[in-house]
């Protein structure tokens, strides 16, 4: 009997080790190179596999992989560089970098939660956000970060360069932010993006408002940045486009928007 149980546990252990993690199943590591100080150096980024059923919703997973994964935190730069310095061994870089994602329990938890309703569209969803929360989070993707010599303001709508790190929200908006990123950029990809047009208009108005009384360029940038956040938070076109995208995708999202 003991011998039989030992064999069963051994088989179970082998099976568990052989089973791919959710990250391993759906994520590839893309290694790219660049020239620096006359040397070829490497960097790596995660990407959803072309064959994955998550590819259709890749942007929400891209957001998680880039913003939630611990290996992307600033304090992990030495650890990242140690992996990149394995170049030209691309396969080893891919292996080591992928391991960092696989071992990241926080990332895996968000990844699995986001994936669950895609696997099962009839899954009961208990997490909810209000429209005001949707707009609060979405507005932080419109980020003013530099003043040019002519006092126009450079801004980004970006997965990494945004205002999320400047917030002090007590509630966890990670999944909502991933959705906003996907919805905004899918709209920006359109030939005629209503969000893009409205965003440019709001930034122009904000610059005009604070350009009149510039004391320092730093203060001017800070004023425009927070005013732009506020304008986009209350922007009717952004709200309309986000809610439209939500209606198209609510069956594959891990939360509800309560109107």
C-alpha atoms as a PDB file:
ATOM      1  CA  UNK A   1       0.000   0.000   0.000  1.00  0.00           C
ATOM      2  CA  UNK A   2       2.799   2.403   0.950  1.00  0.00           C
ATOM      3  CA  UNK A   3       4.651   1.549  -2.242  1.00  0.00           C
ATOM      4  CA  UNK A   4       1.474   2.229  -4.248  1.00  0.00           C
ATOM      5  CA  UNK A   5       0.949   5.642  -2.590  1.00  0.00           C
ATOM      6  CA  UNK A   6       4.564   6.565  -3.197  1.00  0.00           C
ATOM      7  CA  UNK A   7       4.141   5.862  -6.908  1.00  0.00           C
ATOM      8  CA  UNK A   8       0.917   7.920  -7.003  1.00  0.00           C
ATOM      9  CA  UNK A   9       2.575  10.911  -5.332  1.00  0.00           C
ATOM     10  CA  UNK A  10       5.582  10.602  -7.622  1.00  0.00           C
ATOM     11  CA  UNK A  11       3.364  10.619 -10.725  1.00  0.00           C
ATOM     12  CA  UNK A  12       1.370  13.584  -9.365  1.00  0.00           C
ATOM     13  CA  UNK A  13       4.577  15.487  -8.678  1.00  0.00           C
ATOM     14  CA  UNK A  14       5.891  14.889 -12.180  1.00  0.00           C
ATOM     15  CA  UNK A  15       2.533  15.963 -13.627  1.00  0.00           C
ATOM     16  CA  UNK A  16       2.557  19.225 -11.662  1.00  0.00           C
ATOM     17  CA  UNK A  17       6.100  20.025 -12.759  1.00  0.00           C
ATOM     18  CA  UNK A  18       5.242  19.267 -16.361  1.00  0.00           C
ATOM     19  CA  UNK A  19       2.167  21.514 -16.362  1.00  0.00           C
ATOM     20  CA  UNK A  20       2.948  24.946 -17.790  1.00  0.00           C
ATOM     21  CA  UNK A  21       2.164  28.005 -15.744  1.00  0.00           C
ATOM     22  CA  UNK A  22      -0.393  30.432 -17.163  1.00  0.00           C
ATOM     23  CA  UNK A  23       2.449  32.840 -17.977  1.00  0.00           C
ATOM     24  CA  UNK A  24       4.513  30.186 -19.705  1.00  0.00           C
ATOM     25  CA  UNK A  25       1.498  29.124 -21.737  1.00  0.00           C
ATOM     26  CA  UNK A  26       0.616  32.572 -23.069  1.00  0.00           C
ATOM     27  CA  UNK A  27       3.757  34.744 -22.909  1.00  0.00           C
ATOM     28  CA  UNK A  28       6.892  34.961 -25.038  1.00  0.00           C
ATOM     29  CA  UNK A  29       9.981  37.032 -24.369  1.00  0.00           C
ATOM     30  CA  UNK A  30      11.150  39.253 -27.205  1.00  0.00           C
ATOM     31  CA  UNK A  31      14.873  40.055 -27.125  1.00  0.00           C
ATOM     32  CA  UNK A  32      16.002  43.165 -28.996  1.00  0.00           C
ATOM     33  CA  UNK A  33      19.431  44.740 -29.408  1.00  0.00           C
ATOM     34  CA  UNK A  34      20.811  48.262 -29.620  1.00  0.00           C
ATOM     35  CA  UNK A  35      24.189  49.950 -29.923  1.00  0.00           C
ATOM     36  CA  UNK A  36      25.657  51.756 -26.921  1.00  0.00           C
ATOM     37  CA  UNK A  37      29.268  52.928 -26.520  1.00  0.00           C
ATOM     38  CA  UNK A  38      30.228  50.903 -29.596  1.00  0.00           C
ATOM     39  CA  UNK A  39      28.859  47.749 -28.041  1.00  0.00           C
ATOM     40  CA  UNK A  40      25.821  45.674 -28.929  1.00  0.00           C
ATOM     41  CA  UNK A  41      23.554  45.380 -25.920  1.00  0.00           C
ATOM     42  CA  UNK A  42      20.298  43.555 -25.354  1.00  0.00           C
ATOM     43  CA  UNK A  43      16.967  44.201 -23.695  1.00  0.00           C
ATOM     44  CA  UNK A  44      13.883  42.052 -23.316  1.00  0.00           C
ATOM     45  CA  UNK A  45      10.150  42.556 -23.121  1.00  0.00           C
ATOM     46  CA  UNK A  46       7.214  40.187 -22.670  1.00  0.00           C
ATOM     47  CA  UNK A  47       4.589  39.721 -25.365  1.00  0.00           C
ATOM     48  CA  UNK A  48       1.448  37.631 -25.686  1.00  0.00           C
ATOM     49  CA  UNK A  49       2.042  34.698 -28.025  1.00  0.00           C
ATOM     50  CA  UNK A  50       0.572  35.043 -31.500  1.00  0.00           C
ATOM     51  CA  UNK A  51      -1.130  31.662 -31.050  1.00  0.00           C
ATOM     52  CA  UNK A  52      -2.683  32.543 -27.686  1.00  0.00           C
ATOM     53  CA  UNK A  53      -6.427  33.105 -27.419  1.00  0.00           C
ATOM     54  CA  UNK A  54      -5.508  36.137 -25.301  1.00  0.00           C
ATOM     55  CA  UNK A  55      -3.966  37.857 -28.331  1.00  0.00           C
ATOM     56  CA  UNK A  56      -7.267  39.596 -29.100  1.00  0.00           C
ATOM     57  CA  UNK A  57      -7.066  41.278 -25.692  1.00  0.00           C
ATOM     58  CA  UNK A  58      -3.277  41.630 -25.620  1.00  0.00           C
ATOM     59  CA  UNK A  59      -3.231  45.238 -24.475  1.00  0.00           C
ATOM     60  CA  UNK A  60      -4.834  44.557 -21.098  1.00  0.00           C
ATOM     61  CA  UNK A  61      -2.286  41.785 -20.513  1.00  0.00           C
ATOM     62  CA  UNK A  62       0.553  43.981 -21.806  1.00  0.00           C
ATOM     63  CA  UNK A  63      -0.417  46.519 -19.157  1.00  0.00           C
ATOM     64  CA  UNK A  64      -0.156  43.896 -16.415  1.00  0.00           C
ATOM     65  CA  UNK A  65       3.126  42.477 -17.709  1.00  0.00           C
ATOM     66  CA  UNK A  66       4.787  45.889 -17.907  1.00  0.00           C
ATOM     67  CA  UNK A  67       3.307  47.698 -14.894  1.00  0.00           C
ATOM     68  CA  UNK A  68       2.667  44.973 -12.338  1.00  0.00           C
ATOM     69  CA  UNK A  69       5.621  42.631 -12.832  1.00  0.00           C
ATOM     70  CA  UNK A  70       8.265  43.086 -10.154  1.00  0.00           C
ATOM     71  CA  UNK A  71      11.162  42.729 -12.596  1.00  0.00           C
ATOM     72  CA  UNK A  72      10.146  46.054 -14.187  1.00  0.00           C
ATOM     73  CA  UNK A  73      10.375  47.994 -10.928  1.00  0.00           C
ATOM     74  CA  UNK A  74      13.148  50.643 -10.847  1.00  0.00           C
ATOM     75  CA  UNK A  75      14.933  48.921  -7.969  1.00  0.00           C
ATOM     76  CA  UNK A  76      15.299  45.795 -10.112  1.00  0.00           C
ATOM     77  CA  UNK A  77      17.490  47.482 -12.742  1.00  0.00           C
ATOM     78  CA  UNK A  78      20.657  45.619 -11.697  1.00  0.00           C
ATOM     79  CA  UNK A  79      18.793  42.316 -11.823  1.00  0.00           C
ATOM     80  CA  UNK A  80      17.463  43.122 -15.305  1.00  0.00           C
ATOM     81  CA  UNK A  81      20.887  44.171 -16.539  1.00  0.00           C
ATOM     82  CA  UNK A  82      22.450  40.978 -15.218  1.00  0.00           C
ATOM     83  CA  UNK A  83      20.063  39.040 -17.461  1.00  0.00           C
ATOM     84  CA  UNK A  84      20.609  41.347 -20.442  1.00  0.00           C
ATOM     85  CA  UNK A  85      24.384  40.922 -20.063  1.00  0.00           C
ATOM     86  CA  UNK A  86      23.972  37.260 -20.962  1.00  0.00           C
ATOM     87  CA  UNK A  87      23.813  38.432 -24.594  1.00  0.00           C
ATOM     88  CA  UNK A  88      24.514  36.994 -27.165  1.00  0.00           C
ATOM     89  CA  UNK A  89      22.872  33.961 -25.538  1.00  0.00           C
ATOM     90  CA  UNK A  90      19.324  34.953 -26.511  1.00  0.00           C
ATOM     91  CA  UNK A  91      17.790  31.692 -25.356  1.00  0.00           C
ATOM     92  CA  UNK A  92      19.213  32.067 -21.871  1.00  0.00           C
ATOM     93  CA  UNK A  93      17.958  35.649 -21.677  1.00  0.00           C
ATOM     94  CA  UNK A  94      14.479  34.494 -22.680  1.00  0.00           C
ATOM     95  CA  UNK A  95      14.557  31.650 -20.167  1.00  0.00           C
ATOM     96  CA  UNK A  96      15.744  33.802 -17.240  1.00  0.00           C
ATOM     97  CA  UNK A  97      13.378  36.676 -18.017  1.00  0.00           C
ATOM     98  CA  UNK A  98      10.370  34.407 -18.420  1.00  0.00           C
ATOM     99  CA  UNK A  99      11.180  32.792 -15.071  1.00  0.00           C
ATOM    100  CA  UNK A 100      10.855  36.198 -13.402  1.00  0.00           C
ATOM    101  CA  UNK A 101       7.273  36.489 -14.653  1.00  0.00           C
ATOM    102  CA  UNK A 102       6.392  32.901 -13.796  1.00  0.00           C
ATOM    103  CA  UNK A 103       7.636  33.390 -10.215  1.00  0.00           C
ATOM    104  CA  UNK A 104       5.816  36.713  -9.753  1.00  0.00           C
ATOM    105  CA  UNK A 105       2.793  35.688  -7.663  1.00  0.00           C
ATOM    106  CA  UNK A 106       1.143  39.119  -7.783  1.00  0.00           C
ATOM    107  CA  UNK A 107       1.401  39.273 -11.565  1.00  0.00           C
ATOM    108  CA  UNK A 108       0.118  35.708 -11.970  1.00  0.00           C
ATOM    109  CA  UNK A 109      -2.894  36.462  -9.754  1.00  0.00           C
ATOM    110  CA  UNK A 110      -3.897  39.514 -11.841  1.00  0.00           C
ATOM    111  CA  UNK A 111      -3.208  37.597 -15.046  1.00  0.00           C
ATOM    112  CA  UNK A 112      -5.448  34.696 -14.003  1.00  0.00           C
ATOM    113  CA  UNK A 113      -8.221  37.017 -12.793  1.00  0.00           C
ATOM    114  CA  UNK A 114      -8.162  38.907 -16.081  1.00  0.00           C
ATOM    115  CA  UNK A 115      -8.149  35.704 -18.092  1.00  0.00           C
ATOM    116  CA  UNK A 116     -10.989  33.955 -16.197  1.00  0.00           C
ATOM    117  CA  UNK A 117     -13.977  35.630 -17.970  1.00  0.00           C
ATOM    118  CA  UNK A 118     -12.280  35.156 -21.345  1.00  0.00           C
ATOM    119  CA  UNK A 119     -12.207  31.437 -20.638  1.00  0.00           C
ATOM    120  CA  UNK A 120     -15.753  31.487 -19.288  1.00  0.00           C
ATOM    121  CA  UNK A 121     -17.994  34.356 -20.511  1.00  0.00           C
ATOM    122  CA  UNK A 122     -20.751  33.168 -18.131  1.00  0.00           C
ATOM    123  CA  UNK A 123     -18.551  33.529 -15.055  1.00  0.00           C
ATOM    124  CA  UNK A 124     -20.238  35.413 -12.226  1.00  0.00           C
ATOM    125  CA  UNK A 125     -18.424  38.726 -11.729  1.00  0.00           C
ATOM    126  CA  UNK A 126     -18.518  40.381  -8.313  1.00  0.00           C
ATOM    127  CA  UNK A 127     -16.061  43.246  -8.743  1.00  0.00           C
ATOM    128  CA  UNK A 128     -17.618  46.583  -9.772  1.00  0.00           C
ATOM    129  CA  UNK A 129     -16.488  50.130 -10.496  1.00  0.00           C
ATOM    130  CA  UNK A 130     -18.493  53.321 -10.897  1.00  0.00           C
ATOM    131  CA  UNK A 131     -18.291  55.467 -14.027  1.00  0.00           C
ATOM    132  CA  UNK A 132     -16.580  58.200 -11.983  1.00  0.00           C
ATOM    133  CA  UNK A 133     -13.872  55.703 -11.049  1.00  0.00           C
ATOM    134  CA  UNK A 134     -13.514  54.692 -14.695  1.00  0.00           C
ATOM    135  CA  UNK A 135     -12.954  58.317 -15.693  1.00  0.00           C
ATOM    136  CA  UNK A 136     -10.586  59.004 -12.800  1.00  0.00           C
ATOM    137  CA  UNK A 137      -8.337  56.125 -13.843  1.00  0.00           C
ATOM    138  CA  UNK A 138      -8.574  56.782 -17.587  1.00  0.00           C
ATOM    139  CA  UNK A 139      -7.621  60.449 -17.174  1.00  0.00           C
ATOM    140  CA  UNK A 140      -4.204  59.499 -15.768  1.00  0.00           C
ATOM    141  CA  UNK A 141      -3.107  58.110 -19.137  1.00  0.00           C
ATOM    142  CA  UNK A 142      -3.021  61.647 -20.564  1.00  0.00           C
ATOM    143  CA  UNK A 143       0.257  62.747 -19.038  1.00  0.00           C
ATOM    144  CA  UNK A 144       1.994  66.101 -19.538  1.00  0.00           C
ATOM    145  CA  UNK A 145       5.695  65.651 -18.772  1.00  0.00           C
ATOM    146  CA  UNK A 146       7.809  68.371 -20.410  1.00  0.00           C
ATOM    147  CA  UNK A 147       7.699  72.055 -21.411  1.00  0.00           C
ATOM    148  CA  UNK A 148       9.194  72.930 -24.809  1.00  0.00           C
ATOM    149  CA  UNK A 149      11.045  76.222 -25.505  1.00  0.00           C
ATOM    150  CA  UNK A 150       7.930  77.748 -27.093  1.00  0.00           C
ATOM    151  CA  UNK A 151       5.948  76.866 -23.896  1.00  0.00           C
ATOM    152  CA  UNK A 152       3.935  74.168 -25.620  1.00  0.00           C
ATOM    153  CA  UNK A 153       3.736  71.074 -23.449  1.00  0.00           C
ATOM    154  CA  UNK A 154       4.909  67.606 -24.414  1.00  0.00           C
ATOM    155  CA  UNK A 155       2.619  64.853 -23.241  1.00  0.00           C
ATOM    156  CA  UNK A 156       2.303  61.101 -23.543  1.00  0.00           C
ATOM    157  CA  UNK A 157      -0.523  58.623 -23.765  1.00  0.00           C
ATOM    158  CA  UNK A 158       1.513  55.591 -22.858  1.00  0.00           C
ATOM    159  CA  UNK A 159       1.554  52.210 -21.130  1.00  0.00           C
ATOM    160  CA  UNK A 160       4.504  53.197 -18.957  1.00  0.00           C
ATOM    161  CA  UNK A 161       4.742  57.004 -19.005  1.00  0.00           C
ATOM    162  CA  UNK A 162       1.527  58.031 -17.289  1.00  0.00           C
ATOM    163  CA  UNK A 163       0.158  59.482 -14.079  1.00  0.00           C
ATOM    164  CA  UNK A 164      -0.606  56.214 -12.277  1.00  0.00           C
ATOM    165  CA  UNK A 165       2.474  56.445 -10.062  1.00  0.00           C
ATOM    166  CA  UNK A 166       1.413  59.899  -8.836  1.00  0.00           C
ATOM    167  CA  UNK A 167      -1.921  58.709  -7.493  1.00  0.00           C
ATOM    168  CA  UNK A 168      -2.672  57.794  -3.902  1.00  0.00           C
ATOM    169  CA  UNK A 169      -5.716  55.619  -4.442  1.00  0.00           C
ATOM    170  CA  UNK A 170      -6.671  53.350  -1.572  1.00  0.00           C
ATOM    171  CA  UNK A 171      -8.742  51.109  -3.849  1.00  0.00           C
ATOM    172  CA  UNK A 172      -7.044  48.687  -6.217  1.00  0.00           C
ATOM    173  CA  UNK A 173      -7.680  49.895  -9.781  1.00  0.00           C
ATOM    174  CA  UNK A 174      -5.215  47.600 -11.558  1.00  0.00           C
ATOM    175  CA  UNK A 175      -7.767  45.741 -13.689  1.00  0.00           C
ATOM    176  CA  UNK A 176      -9.622  48.953 -14.465  1.00  0.00           C
ATOM    177  CA  UNK A 177      -6.380  50.619 -15.566  1.00  0.00           C
ATOM    178  CA  UNK A 178      -5.570  47.674 -17.837  1.00  0.00           C
ATOM    179  CA  UNK A 179      -9.006  48.032 -19.437  1.00  0.00           C
ATOM    180  CA  UNK A 180      -8.619  51.803 -19.873  1.00  0.00           C
ATOM    181  CA  UNK A 181      -5.264  51.334 -21.550  1.00  0.00           C
ATOM    182  CA  UNK A 182      -6.757  48.830 -23.973  1.00  0.00           C
ATOM    183  CA  UNK A 183      -9.844  50.921 -24.721  1.00  0.00           C
ATOM    184  CA  UNK A 184      -7.935  54.173 -25.211  1.00  0.00           C
ATOM    185  CA  UNK A 185      -5.281  52.705 -27.485  1.00  0.00           C
ATOM    186  CA  UNK A 186      -7.736  50.722 -29.566  1.00  0.00           C
ATOM    187  CA  UNK A 187      -9.467  54.038 -30.231  1.00  0.00           C
ATOM    188  CA  UNK A 188      -6.184  55.843 -30.946  1.00  0.00           C
ATOM    189  CA  UNK A 189      -5.406  53.191 -33.559  1.00  0.00           C
ATOM    190  CA  UNK A 190      -8.494  54.124 -35.560  1.00  0.00           C
ATOM    191  CA  UNK A 191      -8.060  56.243 -38.700  1.00  0.00           C
ATOM    192  CA  UNK A 192     -10.163  58.955 -37.107  1.00  0.00           C
ATOM    193  CA  UNK A 193      -9.787  58.836 -33.320  1.00  0.00           C
ATOM    194  CA  UNK A 194     -12.296  60.925 -31.403  1.00  0.00           C
ATOM    195  CA  UNK A 195     -10.278  60.526 -28.220  1.00  0.00           C
ATOM    196  CA  UNK A 196      -7.127  61.831 -29.899  1.00  0.00           C
ATOM    197  CA  UNK A 197      -8.896  64.889 -31.286  1.00  0.00           C
ATOM    198  CA  UNK A 198     -10.528  65.682 -27.966  1.00  0.00           C
ATOM    199  CA  UNK A 199      -7.288  65.148 -26.038  1.00  0.00           C
ATOM    200  CA  UNK A 200      -5.352  67.554 -28.282  1.00  0.00           C
ATOM    201  CA  UNK A 201      -8.066  70.158 -27.837  1.00  0.00           C
ATOM    202  CA  UNK A 202      -8.093  69.806 -24.054  1.00  0.00           C
ATOM    203  CA  UNK A 203      -4.299  70.101 -23.853  1.00  0.00           C
ATOM    204  CA  UNK A 204      -4.315  73.219 -26.032  1.00  0.00           C
ATOM    205  CA  UNK A 205      -6.941  74.859 -23.805  1.00  0.00           C
ATOM    206  CA  UNK A 206      -5.021  73.947 -20.682  1.00  0.00           C
ATOM    207  CA  UNK A 207      -1.780  75.410 -22.027  1.00  0.00           C
ATOM    208  CA  UNK A 208      -3.573  78.608 -23.064  1.00  0.00           C
ATOM    209  CA  UNK A 209      -5.083  78.956 -19.605  1.00  0.00           C
ATOM    210  CA  UNK A 210      -1.805  78.699 -17.667  1.00  0.00           C
ATOM    211  CA  UNK A 211       0.535  80.292 -20.224  1.00  0.00           C
ATOM    212  CA  UNK A 212      -0.888  83.725 -19.344  1.00  0.00           C
ATOM    213  CA  UNK A 213       0.695  83.776 -15.877  1.00  0.00           C
ATOM    214  CA  UNK A 214       3.862  81.680 -15.986  1.00  0.00           C
ATOM    215  CA  UNK A 215       6.085  82.193 -12.948  1.00  0.00           C
ATOM    216  CA  UNK A 216       8.365  79.175 -13.477  1.00  0.00           C
ATOM    217  CA  UNK A 217       8.277  76.475 -16.150  1.00  0.00           C
ATOM    218  CA  UNK A 218       8.116  73.772 -13.473  1.00  0.00           C
ATOM    219  CA  UNK A 219       5.020  75.359 -11.943  1.00  0.00           C
ATOM    220  CA  UNK A 220       3.512  75.846 -15.396  1.00  0.00           C
ATOM    221  CA  UNK A 221       4.042  72.161 -16.239  1.00  0.00           C
ATOM    222  CA  UNK A 222       2.563  71.031 -12.926  1.00  0.00           C
ATOM    223  CA  UNK A 223      -0.508  73.233 -13.438  1.00  0.00           C
ATOM    224  CA  UNK A 224      -1.077  71.961 -16.975  1.00  0.00           C
ATOM    225  CA  UNK A 225      -0.523  68.355 -15.948  1.00  0.00           C
ATOM    226  CA  UNK A 226      -3.166  68.343 -13.234  1.00  0.00           C
ATOM    227  CA  UNK A 227      -5.550  70.521 -15.216  1.00  0.00           C
ATOM    228  CA  UNK A 228      -5.296  68.095 -18.139  1.00  0.00           C
ATOM    229  CA  UNK A 229      -6.029  65.178 -15.818  1.00  0.00           C
ATOM    230  CA  UNK A 230      -9.108  67.019 -14.608  1.00  0.00           C
ATOM    231  CA  UNK A 231     -10.246  67.959 -18.118  1.00  0.00           C
ATOM    232  CA  UNK A 232      -9.946  64.383 -19.377  1.00  0.00           C
ATOM    233  CA  UNK A 233     -11.700  63.061 -16.282  1.00  0.00           C
ATOM    234  CA  UNK A 234     -14.697  65.166 -17.276  1.00  0.00           C
ATOM    235  CA  UNK A 235     -14.354  64.757 -21.032  1.00  0.00           C
ATOM    236  CA  UNK A 236     -17.641  63.632 -22.571  1.00  0.00           C
ATOM    237  CA  UNK A 237     -16.044  62.084 -25.656  1.00  0.00           C
ATOM    238  CA  UNK A 238     -13.598  59.995 -23.620  1.00  0.00           C
ATOM    239  CA  UNK A 239     -16.462  58.832 -21.428  1.00  0.00           C
ATOM    240  CA  UNK A 240     -18.608  57.913 -24.440  1.00  0.00           C
ATOM    241  CA  UNK A 241     -15.809  55.931 -26.096  1.00  0.00           C
ATOM    242  CA  UNK A 242     -14.851  54.070 -22.918  1.00  0.00           C
ATOM    243  CA  UNK A 243     -18.434  53.055 -22.193  1.00  0.00           C
ATOM    244  CA  UNK A 244     -18.926  52.004 -25.805  1.00  0.00           C
ATOM    245  CA  UNK A 245     -15.853  49.782 -25.578  1.00  0.00           C
ATOM    246  CA  UNK A 246     -17.061  48.401 -22.255  1.00  0.00           C
ATOM    247  CA  UNK A 247     -20.402  47.385 -23.759  1.00  0.00           C
ATOM    248  CA  UNK A 248     -18.591  45.507 -26.518  1.00  0.00           C
ATOM    249  CA  UNK A 249     -16.366  43.670 -24.030  1.00  0.00           C
ATOM    250  CA  UNK A 250     -18.264  43.352 -20.756  1.00  0.00           C
ATOM    251  CA  UNK A 251     -18.645  39.600 -21.269  1.00  0.00           C
ATOM    252  CA  UNK A 252     -14.851  39.141 -21.213  1.00  0.00           C
ATOM    253  CA  UNK A 253     -13.985  41.515 -18.363  1.00  0.00           C
ATOM    254  CA  UNK A 254     -13.360  40.621 -14.718  1.00  0.00           C
ATOM    255  CA  UNK A 255     -15.439  43.542 -13.434  1.00  0.00           C
ATOM    256  CA  UNK A 256     -18.649  45.461 -14.059  1.00  0.00           C
ATOM    257  CA  UNK A 257     -19.084  49.174 -14.698  1.00  0.00           C
ATOM    258  CA  UNK A 258     -22.041  50.444 -12.710  1.00  0.00           C
ATOM    259  CA  UNK A 259     -23.736  53.321 -14.536  1.00  0.00           C
END
